[in-house]
Amino acid sequence: MRIIILPLVFFLSALIFLVSCNTAYAFENDIGQSQIHPVHPFYFLKTVKEGLEMSLALTPRVKSIRNLEFATRRLREAKTLVPMQRQDLIEPTLERYWYYISQLHDEDLKDQEVAVSIKQSLVIHLKTLEKIYSQVSNPRAKMSIRSTLNRLMGRGDIPDDARLPVCNLFIFEASTAANLNETERIILTERSQKCLESLKLNSHS
């Protein structure tokens, strides 16, 4: 019996620890740092905790709030990985980030409170991704961030003043980035042109 109880006590203690120190140092317009990140030995408990949280989300509204929250956590983790020199983990972390963002559908925007929360959060997400991009050197991490930015720009709830810096980033990288191959440069140039065209259309609508 003692052999069974000890692992259970350890598991519950670790879960309590995880809940108590999930996030730190979050300021206005800053998503903060993640104390429990993909390199942390207790990271698997974070996955367990989020699974429980989502299973308790019984309404579409709560599910939307959870998806936005979990997406923010993944972005926070990607940000935390930069100074840890684990930029190789940014790509899979951003894939998980986009999974949760992709769960936020048009019907969520009908709830005004949720819609405002999504819009405000995504603006902060764009700024965070731009900042992370300037700090990373890993080519796969940079490609992943560009891809994530491009995906976010496809959403209709991103305001134009938040889109413009991303357009400028694409333009700058397409013309100056030395680590891009010709295919990547062409793709990025097309994205920047499409980005600017969408801004022009919005300004005339």
N, C-alpha and C. Protein backbone atom coordinates (compact mmCIF):
# COMPACT_ATOMS: atom_id res chain seq x y z
N MET A 1 0.83 -1.20 0.00
CA MET A 1 0.00 0.00 0.00
C MET A 1 0.87 1.25 0.00
N ARG A 2 1.96 1.22 0.80
CA ARG A 2 2.85 2.37 0.89
C ARG A 2 3.50 2.66 -0.46
N ILE A 3 3.80 1.60 -1.20
CA ILE A 3 4.44 1.76 -2.51
C ILE A 3 3.51 2.50 -3.47
N ILE A 4 2.21 2.26 -3.35
CA ILE A 4 1.23 2.92 -4.22
C ILE A 4 0.99 4.36 -3.78
N ILE A 5 0.94 4.60 -2.47
CA ILE A 5 0.61 5.92 -1.95
C ILE A 5 1.71 6.94 -2.25
N LEU A 6 2.96 6.54 -2.13
CA LEU A 6 4.07 7.48 -2.31
C LEU A 6 4.07 8.12 -3.70
N PRO A 7 3.94 7.35 -4.80
CA PRO A 7 3.87 8.00 -6.11
C PRO A 7 2.66 8.92 -6.24
N LEU A 8 1.54 8.56 -5.61
CA LEU A 8 0.35 9.38 -5.67
C LEU A 8 0.57 10.71 -4.96
N VAL A 9 1.22 10.65 -3.80
CA VAL A 9 1.53 11.88 -3.05
C VAL A 9 2.46 12.77 -3.87
N PHE A 10 3.45 12.14 -4.50
CA PHE A 10 4.39 12.89 -5.33
C PHE A 10 3.66 13.57 -6.49
N PHE A 11 2.76 12.83 -7.13
CA PHE A 11 2.02 13.36 -8.27
C PHE A 11 1.16 14.55 -7.85
N LEU A 12 0.42 14.40 -6.75
CA LEU A 12 -0.46 15.47 -6.29
C LEU A 12 0.35 16.69 -5.85
N SER A 13 1.49 16.45 -5.19
CA SER A 13 2.33 17.56 -4.76
C SER A 13 2.87 18.33 -5.95
N ALA A 14 3.28 17.57 -6.98
CA ALA A 14 3.80 18.21 -8.19
C ALA A 14 2.72 18.99 -8.90
N LEU A 15 1.49 18.45 -8.90
CA LEU A 15 0.37 19.13 -9.56
C LEU A 15 0.03 20.43 -8.83
N ILE A 16 0.07 20.40 -7.50
CA ILE A 16 -0.17 21.60 -6.70
C ILE A 16 0.90 22.64 -6.99
N PHE A 17 2.15 22.18 -7.09
CA PHE A 17 3.26 23.07 -7.42
C PHE A 17 3.04 23.72 -8.78
N LEU A 18 2.59 22.91 -9.72
CA LEU A 18 2.36 23.40 -11.08
C LEU A 18 1.28 24.47 -11.10
N VAL A 19 0.20 24.24 -10.39
CA VAL A 19 -0.91 25.20 -10.36
C VAL A 19 -0.48 26.50 -9.70
N SER A 20 0.39 26.39 -8.69
CA SER A 20 0.76 27.57 -7.91
C SER A 20 1.78 28.46 -8.60
N CYS A 21 2.51 27.94 -9.60
CA CYS A 21 3.57 28.75 -10.22
C CYS A 21 3.57 28.57 -11.73
N ASN A 22 2.42 28.68 -12.31
CA ASN A 22 2.31 28.49 -13.76
C ASN A 22 2.92 29.63 -14.54
N THR A 23 2.72 30.86 -14.07
CA THR A 23 3.15 32.04 -14.82
C THR A 23 3.71 33.08 -13.87
N ALA A 24 4.70 33.84 -14.38
CA ALA A 24 5.26 34.90 -13.55
C ALA A 24 5.65 36.08 -14.42
N TYR A 25 5.71 37.25 -13.78
CA TYR A 25 6.22 38.45 -14.41
C TYR A 25 5.39 38.91 -15.61
N ALA A 26 4.08 38.87 -15.53
CA ALA A 26 3.23 39.36 -16.62
C ALA A 26 2.87 40.81 -16.35
N PHE A 27 3.16 41.68 -17.33
CA PHE A 27 2.85 43.09 -17.22
C PHE A 27 1.88 43.47 -18.33
N GLU A 28 1.44 44.73 -18.30
CA GLU A 28 0.53 45.20 -19.33
C GLU A 28 1.19 45.07 -20.70
N ASN A 29 0.45 44.54 -21.66
CA ASN A 29 0.94 44.31 -23.03
C ASN A 29 2.14 43.37 -23.06
N ASP A 30 2.28 42.54 -22.05
CA ASP A 30 3.37 41.57 -22.00
C ASP A 30 2.79 40.26 -21.46
N ILE A 31 2.99 39.18 -22.20
CA ILE A 31 2.40 37.91 -21.78
C ILE A 31 3.16 37.27 -20.64
N GLY A 32 4.33 37.82 -20.28
CA GLY A 32 5.09 37.29 -19.16
C GLY A 32 5.98 36.12 -19.53
N GLN A 33 6.51 35.46 -18.52
CA GLN A 33 7.39 34.32 -18.68
C GLN A 33 6.72 33.07 -18.15
N SER A 34 7.10 31.92 -18.68
CA SER A 34 6.52 30.65 -18.23
C SER A 34 7.53 29.93 -17.34
N GLN A 35 7.09 29.60 -16.13
CA GLN A 35 7.96 28.84 -15.23
C GLN A 35 7.95 27.35 -15.56
N ILE A 36 6.83 26.88 -16.11
CA ILE A 36 6.72 25.48 -16.51
C ILE A 36 6.70 25.45 -18.04
N HIS A 37 7.81 25.09 -18.64
CA HIS A 37 8.01 25.16 -20.09
C HIS A 37 8.37 23.77 -20.62
N PRO A 38 8.49 23.59 -21.94
CA PRO A 38 8.74 22.25 -22.49
C PRO A 38 10.02 21.56 -22.01
N VAL A 39 10.96 22.32 -21.47
CA VAL A 39 12.20 21.70 -20.96
C VAL A 39 12.05 21.27 -19.50
N HIS A 40 11.05 21.81 -18.82
CA HIS A 40 10.86 21.54 -17.39
C HIS A 40 10.46 20.09 -17.16
N PRO A 41 11.01 19.43 -16.12
CA PRO A 41 10.68 18.02 -15.87
C PRO A 41 9.22 17.77 -15.51
N PHE A 42 8.50 18.81 -15.04
CA PHE A 42 7.09 18.66 -14.68
C PHE A 42 6.16 19.13 -15.79
N TYR A 43 6.69 19.35 -16.98
CA TYR A 43 5.86 19.90 -18.06
C TYR A 43 4.69 18.98 -18.40
N PHE A 44 4.90 17.66 -18.29
CA PHE A 44 3.82 16.72 -18.62
C PHE A 44 2.62 16.92 -17.70
N LEU A 45 2.87 17.41 -16.47
CA LEU A 45 1.75 17.67 -15.56
C LEU A 45 0.94 18.87 -16.02
N LYS A 46 1.60 19.78 -16.70
CA LYS A 46 0.88 20.94 -17.25
C LYS A 46 -0.11 20.47 -18.30
N THR A 47 0.30 19.49 -19.10
CA THR A 47 -0.59 18.93 -20.12
C THR A 47 -1.78 18.24 -19.46
N VAL A 48 -1.51 17.50 -18.38
CA VAL A 48 -2.58 16.83 -17.64
C VAL A 48 -3.56 17.86 -17.07
N LYS A 49 -3.01 18.91 -16.48
CA LYS A 49 -3.84 19.97 -15.88
C LYS A 49 -4.72 20.64 -16.93
N GLU A 50 -4.15 20.92 -18.10
CA GLU A 50 -4.93 21.58 -19.15
C GLU A 50 -6.01 20.65 -19.71
N GLY A 51 -5.71 19.35 -19.76
CA GLY A 51 -6.72 18.40 -20.19
C GLY A 51 -7.91 18.40 -19.24
N LEU A 52 -7.62 18.49 -17.95
CA LEU A 52 -8.69 18.55 -16.95
C LEU A 52 -9.48 19.85 -17.09
N GLU A 53 -8.76 20.95 -17.29
CA GLU A 53 -9.42 22.25 -17.44
C GLU A 53 -10.35 22.26 -18.64
N MET A 54 -9.90 21.68 -19.75
CA MET A 54 -10.74 21.67 -20.95
C MET A 54 -11.93 20.74 -20.78
N SER A 55 -11.75 19.65 -20.08
CA SER A 55 -12.86 18.71 -19.86
C SER A 55 -13.95 19.33 -18.99
N LEU A 56 -13.58 20.33 -18.19
CA LEU A 56 -14.55 21.01 -17.33
C LEU A 56 -15.16 22.23 -18.01
N ALA A 57 -14.71 22.51 -19.24
CA ALA A 57 -15.29 23.62 -20.00
C ALA A 57 -16.55 23.11 -20.70
N LEU A 58 -17.70 23.33 -20.10
CA LEU A 58 -18.95 22.70 -20.54
C LEU A 58 -19.76 23.55 -21.51
N THR A 59 -19.36 24.80 -21.73
CA THR A 59 -20.10 25.66 -22.65
C THR A 59 -19.16 26.18 -23.74
N PRO A 60 -19.67 26.54 -24.91
CA PRO A 60 -18.82 27.10 -25.98
C PRO A 60 -18.05 28.32 -25.52
N ARG A 61 -18.67 29.15 -24.69
CA ARG A 61 -18.01 30.36 -24.20
C ARG A 61 -16.77 30.02 -23.38
N VAL A 62 -16.92 29.09 -22.45
CA VAL A 62 -15.80 28.71 -21.60
C VAL A 62 -14.71 28.01 -22.42
N LYS A 63 -15.12 27.20 -23.40
CA LYS A 63 -14.14 26.55 -24.27
C LYS A 63 -13.33 27.58 -25.05
N SER A 64 -13.99 28.62 -25.51
CA SER A 64 -13.29 29.69 -26.24
C SER A 64 -12.27 30.37 -25.34
N ILE A 65 -12.69 30.66 -24.11
CA ILE A 65 -11.79 31.30 -23.15
C ILE A 65 -10.59 30.41 -22.86
N ARG A 66 -10.84 29.12 -22.71
CA ARG A 66 -9.75 28.17 -22.46
C ARG A 66 -8.79 28.09 -23.64
N ASN A 67 -9.34 28.03 -24.86
CA ASN A 67 -8.48 27.95 -26.05
C ASN A 67 -7.58 29.18 -26.16
N LEU A 68 -8.13 30.35 -25.87
CA LEU A 68 -7.33 31.57 -25.91
C LEU A 68 -6.27 31.56 -24.81
N GLU A 69 -6.66 31.08 -23.66
CA GLU A 69 -5.72 31.00 -22.53
C GLU A 69 -4.58 30.02 -22.83
N PHE A 70 -4.92 28.85 -23.37
CA PHE A 70 -3.90 27.85 -23.67
C PHE A 70 -2.98 28.32 -24.79
N ALA A 71 -3.54 29.04 -25.77
CA ALA A 71 -2.70 29.60 -26.84
C ALA A 71 -1.69 30.58 -26.26
N THR A 72 -2.16 31.42 -25.35
CA THR A 72 -1.26 32.39 -24.71
C THR A 72 -0.17 31.69 -23.92
N ARG A 73 -0.51 30.58 -23.29
CA ARG A 73 0.50 29.81 -22.55
C ARG A 73 1.57 29.27 -23.49
N ARG A 74 1.15 28.77 -24.67
CA ARG A 74 2.13 28.23 -25.62
C ARG A 74 3.06 29.34 -26.11
N LEU A 75 2.50 30.51 -26.36
CA LEU A 75 3.32 31.62 -26.82
C LEU A 75 4.27 32.06 -25.72
N ARG A 76 3.79 32.05 -24.50
CA ARG A 76 4.63 32.38 -23.35
C ARG A 76 5.79 31.38 -23.23
N GLU A 77 5.49 30.13 -23.50
CA GLU A 77 6.55 29.11 -23.45
C GLU A 77 7.59 29.35 -24.54
N ALA A 78 7.11 29.68 -25.75
CA ALA A 78 8.04 29.96 -26.86
C ALA A 78 8.95 31.12 -26.50
N LYS A 79 8.39 32.14 -25.89
CA LYS A 79 9.18 33.30 -25.47
C LYS A 79 10.22 32.90 -24.43
N THR A 80 9.83 32.03 -23.51
CA THR A 80 10.74 31.60 -22.44
C THR A 80 11.89 30.75 -22.98
N LEU A 81 11.65 30.03 -24.07
CA LEU A 81 12.68 29.15 -24.63
C LEU A 81 13.84 29.91 -25.25
N VAL A 82 13.63 31.17 -25.64
CA VAL A 82 14.67 31.93 -26.34
C VAL A 82 15.93 32.10 -25.49
N PRO A 83 15.85 32.67 -24.28
CA PRO A 83 17.07 32.82 -23.49
C PRO A 83 17.63 31.50 -22.96
N MET A 84 16.83 30.43 -23.03
CA MET A 84 17.29 29.12 -22.56
C MET A 84 18.11 28.40 -23.63
N GLN A 85 18.24 29.04 -24.80
CA GLN A 85 18.96 28.43 -25.92
C GLN A 85 18.33 27.11 -26.36
N ARG A 86 17.01 27.05 -26.30
CA ARG A 86 16.28 25.89 -26.81
C ARG A 86 15.35 26.34 -27.92
N GLN A 87 15.92 27.06 -28.86
CA GLN A 87 15.13 27.57 -29.97
C GLN A 87 14.61 26.45 -30.87
N ASP A 88 15.20 25.27 -30.76
CA ASP A 88 14.73 24.13 -31.55
C ASP A 88 13.32 23.70 -31.14
N LEU A 89 12.89 24.08 -29.94
CA LEU A 89 11.57 23.71 -29.46
C LEU A 89 10.51 24.76 -29.75
N ILE A 90 10.92 25.88 -30.34
CA ILE A 90 9.96 26.95 -30.64
C ILE A 90 8.98 26.50 -31.71
N GLU A 91 9.46 25.81 -32.74
CA GLU A 91 8.59 25.38 -33.84
C GLU A 91 7.44 24.49 -33.36
N PRO A 92 7.70 23.39 -32.64
CA PRO A 92 6.57 22.57 -32.18
C PRO A 92 5.68 23.30 -31.17
N THR A 93 6.27 24.20 -30.40
CA THR A 93 5.47 24.96 -29.44
C THR A 93 4.50 25.89 -30.16
N LEU A 94 4.95 26.51 -31.25
CA LEU A 94 4.07 27.40 -32.02
C LEU A 94 3.02 26.62 -32.79
N GLU A 95 3.33 25.38 -33.16
CA GLU A 95 2.31 24.55 -33.80
C GLU A 95 1.18 24.28 -32.82
N ARG A 96 1.51 24.03 -31.57
CA ARG A 96 0.48 23.84 -30.55
C ARG A 96 -0.26 25.15 -30.28
N TYR A 97 0.48 26.25 -30.34
CA TYR A 97 -0.16 27.56 -30.20
C TYR A 97 -1.23 27.75 -31.28
N TRP A 98 -0.87 27.45 -32.52
CA TRP A 98 -1.81 27.67 -33.61
C TRP A 98 -3.00 26.72 -33.51
N TYR A 99 -2.80 25.53 -32.97
CA TYR A 99 -3.92 24.61 -32.80
C TYR A 99 -5.02 25.27 -31.98
N TYR A 100 -4.64 25.91 -30.87
CA TYR A 100 -5.65 26.52 -30.01
C TYR A 100 -6.25 27.76 -30.66
N ILE A 101 -5.44 28.55 -31.37
CA ILE A 101 -5.97 29.72 -32.07
C ILE A 101 -6.98 29.28 -33.13
N SER A 102 -6.68 28.17 -33.81
CA SER A 102 -7.58 27.69 -34.87
C SER A 102 -8.91 27.22 -34.33
N GLN A 103 -9.00 27.00 -33.02
CA GLN A 103 -10.27 26.59 -32.41
C GLN A 103 -11.18 27.78 -32.13
N LEU A 104 -10.66 28.99 -32.32
CA LEU A 104 -11.45 30.19 -32.12
C LEU A 104 -12.13 30.55 -33.43
N HIS A 105 -13.43 30.26 -33.52
CA HIS A 105 -14.16 30.41 -34.78
C HIS A 105 -15.02 31.67 -34.78
N ASP A 106 -15.67 31.93 -35.90
CA ASP A 106 -16.49 33.13 -36.06
C ASP A 106 -17.60 33.23 -35.02
N GLU A 107 -18.14 32.06 -34.61
CA GLU A 107 -19.23 32.11 -33.65
C GLU A 107 -18.78 32.69 -32.31
N ASP A 108 -17.48 32.56 -32.02
CA ASP A 108 -16.97 33.13 -30.77
C ASP A 108 -17.06 34.65 -30.79
N LEU A 109 -16.98 35.24 -31.98
CA LEU A 109 -16.98 36.69 -32.10
C LEU A 109 -18.36 37.28 -31.87
N LYS A 110 -19.39 36.43 -31.83
CA LYS A 110 -20.74 36.91 -31.56
C LYS A 110 -20.92 37.27 -30.08
N ASP A 111 -20.09 36.68 -29.24
CA ASP A 111 -20.07 37.03 -27.83
C ASP A 111 -19.15 38.24 -27.69
N GLN A 112 -19.71 39.41 -27.44
CA GLN A 112 -18.95 40.65 -27.49
C GLN A 112 -17.76 40.64 -26.53
N GLU A 113 -17.99 40.14 -25.33
CA GLU A 113 -16.92 40.12 -24.34
C GLU A 113 -15.78 39.22 -24.78
N VAL A 114 -16.12 38.04 -25.29
CA VAL A 114 -15.10 37.12 -25.77
C VAL A 114 -14.39 37.69 -27.00
N ALA A 115 -15.16 38.32 -27.89
CA ALA A 115 -14.59 38.91 -29.10
C ALA A 115 -13.56 39.98 -28.77
N VAL A 116 -13.86 40.83 -27.81
CA VAL A 116 -12.93 41.88 -27.40
C VAL A 116 -11.67 41.27 -26.79
N SER A 117 -11.86 40.24 -25.98
CA SER A 117 -10.72 39.57 -25.35
C SER A 117 -9.81 38.93 -26.41
N ILE A 118 -10.41 38.29 -27.41
CA ILE A 118 -9.64 37.67 -28.49
C ILE A 118 -8.86 38.73 -29.25
N LYS A 119 -9.54 39.81 -29.63
CA LYS A 119 -8.91 40.87 -30.42
C LYS A 119 -7.73 41.48 -29.66
N GLN A 120 -7.94 41.82 -28.41
CA GLN A 120 -6.87 42.43 -27.61
C GLN A 120 -5.70 41.47 -27.43
N SER A 121 -6.01 40.20 -27.20
CA SER A 121 -4.95 39.21 -26.99
C SER A 121 -4.14 38.99 -28.26
N LEU A 122 -4.81 38.92 -29.40
CA LEU A 122 -4.11 38.66 -30.65
C LEU A 122 -3.18 39.81 -31.03
N VAL A 123 -3.56 41.03 -30.70
CA VAL A 123 -2.67 42.17 -30.94
C VAL A 123 -1.39 42.01 -30.11
N ILE A 124 -1.55 41.61 -28.86
CA ILE A 124 -0.38 41.37 -28.00
C ILE A 124 0.43 40.19 -28.52
N HIS A 125 -0.25 39.16 -29.03
CA HIS A 125 0.43 38.00 -29.58
C HIS A 125 1.31 38.39 -30.77
N LEU A 126 0.77 39.24 -31.64
CA LEU A 126 1.54 39.69 -32.80
C LEU A 126 2.81 40.42 -32.35
N LYS A 127 2.67 41.31 -31.40
CA LYS A 127 3.81 42.07 -30.91
C LYS A 127 4.84 41.14 -30.26
N THR A 128 4.35 40.14 -29.54
CA THR A 128 5.24 39.18 -28.89
C THR A 128 6.01 38.36 -29.92
N LEU A 129 5.32 37.91 -30.96
CA LEU A 129 5.96 37.14 -32.02
C LEU A 129 7.02 37.97 -32.74
N GLU A 130 6.72 39.24 -32.99
CA GLU A 130 7.69 40.13 -33.63
C GLU A 130 8.94 40.27 -32.76
N LYS A 131 8.73 40.40 -31.46
CA LYS A 131 9.85 40.55 -30.53
C LYS A 131 10.68 39.27 -30.48
N ILE A 132 10.01 38.13 -30.40
CA ILE A 132 10.72 36.85 -30.38
C ILE A 132 11.53 36.69 -31.66
N TYR A 133 10.93 37.07 -32.78
CA TYR A 133 11.60 36.92 -34.09
C TYR A 133 12.92 37.67 -34.11
N SER A 134 12.96 38.85 -33.51
CA SER A 134 14.19 39.66 -33.50
C SER A 134 15.27 39.06 -32.60
N GLN A 135 14.88 38.11 -31.74
CA GLN A 135 15.81 37.55 -30.77
C GLN A 135 16.36 36.18 -31.14
N VAL A 136 15.69 35.48 -32.06
CA VAL A 136 16.10 34.12 -32.39
C VAL A 136 17.04 34.11 -33.58
N SER A 137 17.86 33.06 -33.65
CA SER A 137 18.79 32.89 -34.76
C SER A 137 18.58 31.56 -35.48
N ASN A 138 17.85 30.64 -34.83
CA ASN A 138 17.60 29.34 -35.43
C ASN A 138 16.70 29.50 -36.66
N PRO A 139 17.15 29.04 -37.85
CA PRO A 139 16.37 29.22 -39.08
C PRO A 139 14.98 28.60 -39.02
N ARG A 140 14.87 27.41 -38.40
CA ARG A 140 13.56 26.76 -38.31
C ARG A 140 12.63 27.55 -37.39
N ALA A 141 13.19 28.10 -36.32
CA ALA A 141 12.38 28.91 -35.41
C ALA A 141 11.90 30.17 -36.12
N LYS A 142 12.78 30.81 -36.87
CA LYS A 142 12.39 32.02 -37.61
C LYS A 142 11.31 31.70 -38.64
N MET A 143 11.47 30.60 -39.36
CA MET A 143 10.48 30.21 -40.36
C MET A 143 9.13 29.95 -39.70
N SER A 144 9.16 29.31 -38.55
CA SER A 144 7.94 29.00 -37.83
C SER A 144 7.23 30.28 -37.37
N ILE A 145 8.00 31.25 -36.91
CA ILE A 145 7.41 32.51 -36.46
C ILE A 145 6.80 33.26 -37.64
N ARG A 146 7.50 33.28 -38.77
CA ARG A 146 6.95 33.93 -39.96
C ARG A 146 5.64 33.26 -40.39
N SER A 147 5.62 31.93 -40.35
CA SER A 147 4.43 31.19 -40.73
C SER A 147 3.27 31.50 -39.78
N THR A 148 3.56 31.57 -38.49
CA THR A 148 2.53 31.86 -37.50
C THR A 148 1.98 33.27 -37.68
N LEU A 149 2.87 34.22 -37.93
CA LEU A 149 2.44 35.59 -38.20
C LEU A 149 1.53 35.64 -39.42
N ASN A 150 1.91 34.93 -40.46
CA ASN A 150 1.11 34.92 -41.69
C ASN A 150 -0.27 34.31 -41.44
N ARG A 151 -0.32 33.25 -40.65
CA ARG A 151 -1.60 32.63 -40.32
C ARG A 151 -2.50 33.59 -39.55
N LEU A 152 -1.90 34.29 -38.59
CA LEU A 152 -2.68 35.25 -37.81
C LEU A 152 -3.21 36.39 -38.68
N MET A 153 -2.41 36.78 -39.66
CA MET A 153 -2.83 37.87 -40.55
C MET A 153 -4.04 37.47 -41.40
N GLY A 154 -4.31 36.18 -41.50
CA GLY A 154 -5.46 35.71 -42.25
C GLY A 154 -6.76 35.83 -41.48
N ARG A 155 -6.68 36.15 -40.20
CA ARG A 155 -7.88 36.31 -39.40
C ARG A 155 -8.50 37.68 -39.66
N GLY A 156 -9.80 37.75 -39.57
CA GLY A 156 -10.50 39.00 -39.82
C GLY A 156 -10.59 39.91 -38.63
N ASP A 157 -10.15 39.44 -37.44
CA ASP A 157 -10.29 40.26 -36.23
C ASP A 157 -8.98 40.92 -35.83
N ILE A 158 -8.02 41.00 -36.76
CA ILE A 158 -6.78 41.71 -36.50
C ILE A 158 -6.91 43.13 -37.03
N PRO A 159 -6.80 44.16 -36.19
CA PRO A 159 -6.93 45.54 -36.66
C PRO A 159 -5.75 45.96 -37.55
N ASP A 160 -6.00 46.93 -38.42
CA ASP A 160 -4.98 47.35 -39.39
C ASP A 160 -3.72 47.89 -38.73
N ASP A 161 -3.86 48.60 -37.61
CA ASP A 161 -2.68 49.18 -36.97
C ASP A 161 -1.78 48.10 -36.39
N ALA A 162 -2.32 46.90 -36.17
CA ALA A 162 -1.51 45.77 -35.72
C ALA A 162 -0.94 45.00 -36.90
N ARG A 163 -1.60 45.09 -38.06
CA ARG A 163 -1.13 44.40 -39.26
C ARG A 163 0.09 45.08 -39.89
N LEU A 164 0.12 46.41 -39.85
CA LEU A 164 1.15 47.16 -40.55
C LEU A 164 2.58 46.77 -40.13
N PRO A 165 2.88 46.66 -38.83
CA PRO A 165 4.25 46.26 -38.46
C PRO A 165 4.64 44.88 -39.01
N VAL A 166 3.66 43.98 -39.11
CA VAL A 166 3.95 42.65 -39.66
C VAL A 166 4.24 42.75 -41.15
N CYS A 167 3.46 43.57 -41.86
CA CYS A 167 3.72 43.81 -43.29
C CYS A 167 5.14 44.35 -43.48
N ASN A 168 5.51 45.31 -42.65
CA ASN A 168 6.84 45.91 -42.75
C ASN A 168 7.94 44.90 -42.43
N LEU A 169 7.66 44.01 -41.48
CA LEU A 169 8.63 42.96 -41.15
C LEU A 169 8.84 42.03 -42.34
N PHE A 170 7.76 41.62 -42.98
CA PHE A 170 7.86 40.75 -44.15
C PHE A 170 8.65 41.43 -45.27
N ILE A 171 8.37 42.72 -45.50
CA ILE A 171 9.07 43.46 -46.54
C ILE A 171 10.57 43.54 -46.24
N PHE A 172 10.88 43.88 -44.99
CA PHE A 172 12.28 44.02 -44.59
C PHE A 172 13.03 42.69 -44.71
N GLU A 173 12.41 41.62 -44.22
CA GLU A 173 13.07 40.31 -44.26
C GLU A 173 13.25 39.81 -45.69
N ALA A 174 12.25 40.04 -46.53
CA ALA A 174 12.34 39.59 -47.93
C ALA A 174 13.48 40.25 -48.66
N SER A 175 13.84 41.46 -48.26
CA SER A 175 14.87 42.21 -48.98
C SER A 175 16.24 42.16 -48.32
N THR A 176 16.30 41.79 -47.04
CA THR A 176 17.58 41.87 -46.33
C THR A 176 18.06 40.57 -45.69
N ALA A 177 17.14 39.64 -45.35
CA ALA A 177 17.53 38.45 -44.60
C ALA A 177 18.49 37.57 -45.41
N ALA A 178 19.65 37.32 -44.85
CA ALA A 178 20.67 36.55 -45.56
C ALA A 178 20.44 35.05 -45.47
N ASN A 179 19.64 34.62 -44.49
CA ASN A 179 19.46 33.18 -44.28
C ASN A 179 18.28 32.60 -45.06
N LEU A 180 17.64 33.42 -45.92
CA LEU A 180 16.52 32.93 -46.71
C LEU A 180 17.02 32.36 -48.03
N ASN A 181 16.47 31.20 -48.42
CA ASN A 181 16.76 30.72 -49.77
C ASN A 181 15.83 31.42 -50.74
N GLU A 182 16.02 31.18 -52.03
CA GLU A 182 15.25 31.92 -53.05
C GLU A 182 13.76 31.65 -52.93
N THR A 183 13.39 30.41 -52.65
CA THR A 183 11.97 30.07 -52.50
C THR A 183 11.34 30.81 -51.33
N GLU A 184 12.03 30.81 -50.19
CA GLU A 184 11.53 31.51 -49.01
C GLU A 184 11.41 33.00 -49.27
N ARG A 185 12.36 33.55 -50.01
CA ARG A 185 12.33 34.97 -50.31
C ARG A 185 11.12 35.33 -51.19
N ILE A 186 10.84 34.47 -52.18
CA ILE A 186 9.69 34.70 -53.05
C ILE A 186 8.39 34.62 -52.26
N ILE A 187 8.28 33.59 -51.40
CA ILE A 187 7.08 33.42 -50.58
C ILE A 187 6.87 34.62 -49.67
N LEU A 188 7.95 35.09 -49.06
CA LEU A 188 7.85 36.21 -48.13
C LEU A 188 7.50 37.51 -48.87
N THR A 189 8.02 37.67 -50.07
CA THR A 189 7.68 38.84 -50.88
C THR A 189 6.20 38.82 -51.23
N GLU A 190 5.68 37.65 -51.61
CA GLU A 190 4.26 37.52 -51.93
C GLU A 190 3.40 37.81 -50.71
N ARG A 191 3.84 37.34 -49.57
CA ARG A 191 3.08 37.59 -48.34
C ARG A 191 3.05 39.07 -48.00
N SER A 192 4.17 39.74 -48.19
CA SER A 192 4.22 41.18 -47.89
C SER A 192 3.32 41.96 -48.83
N GLN A 193 3.30 41.58 -50.11
CA GLN A 193 2.43 42.26 -51.08
C GLN A 193 0.96 42.03 -50.75
N LYS A 194 0.62 40.79 -50.41
CA LYS A 194 -0.75 40.47 -50.04
C LYS A 194 -1.16 41.22 -48.78
N CYS A 195 -0.21 41.34 -47.86
CA CYS A 195 -0.45 42.04 -46.61
C CYS A 195 -0.78 43.51 -46.87
N LEU A 196 0.01 44.17 -47.71
CA LEU A 196 -0.21 45.58 -48.02
C LEU A 196 -1.51 45.78 -48.80
N GLU A 197 -1.82 44.84 -49.69
CA GLU A 197 -3.06 44.94 -50.47
C GLU A 197 -4.28 44.86 -49.57
N SER A 198 -4.21 43.99 -48.55
CA SER A 198 -5.34 43.88 -47.62
C SER A 198 -5.54 45.16 -46.84
N LEU A 199 -4.44 45.85 -46.51
CA LEU A 199 -4.55 47.13 -45.80
C LEU A 199 -5.18 48.19 -46.69
N LYS A 200 -4.81 48.20 -47.97
CA LYS A 200 -5.39 49.17 -48.90
C LYS A 200 -6.89 48.93 -49.09
N LEU A 201 -7.27 47.65 -49.19
CA LEU A 201 -8.68 47.32 -49.35
C LEU A 201 -9.49 47.75 -48.15
N ASN A 202 -8.92 47.53 -46.96
CA ASN A 202 -9.61 47.91 -45.73
C ASN A 202 -9.76 49.42 -45.62
N SER A 203 -8.77 50.15 -46.10
CA SER A 203 -8.81 51.61 -45.99
C SER A 203 -9.84 52.23 -46.93
N HIS A 204 -10.17 51.48 -48.02
CA HIS A 204 -11.16 51.97 -48.98
C HIS A 204 -12.56 51.42 -48.74
N SER A 205 -12.69 50.51 -47.79
CA SER A 205 -14.00 49.90 -47.53
C SER A 205 -14.81 50.75 -46.55
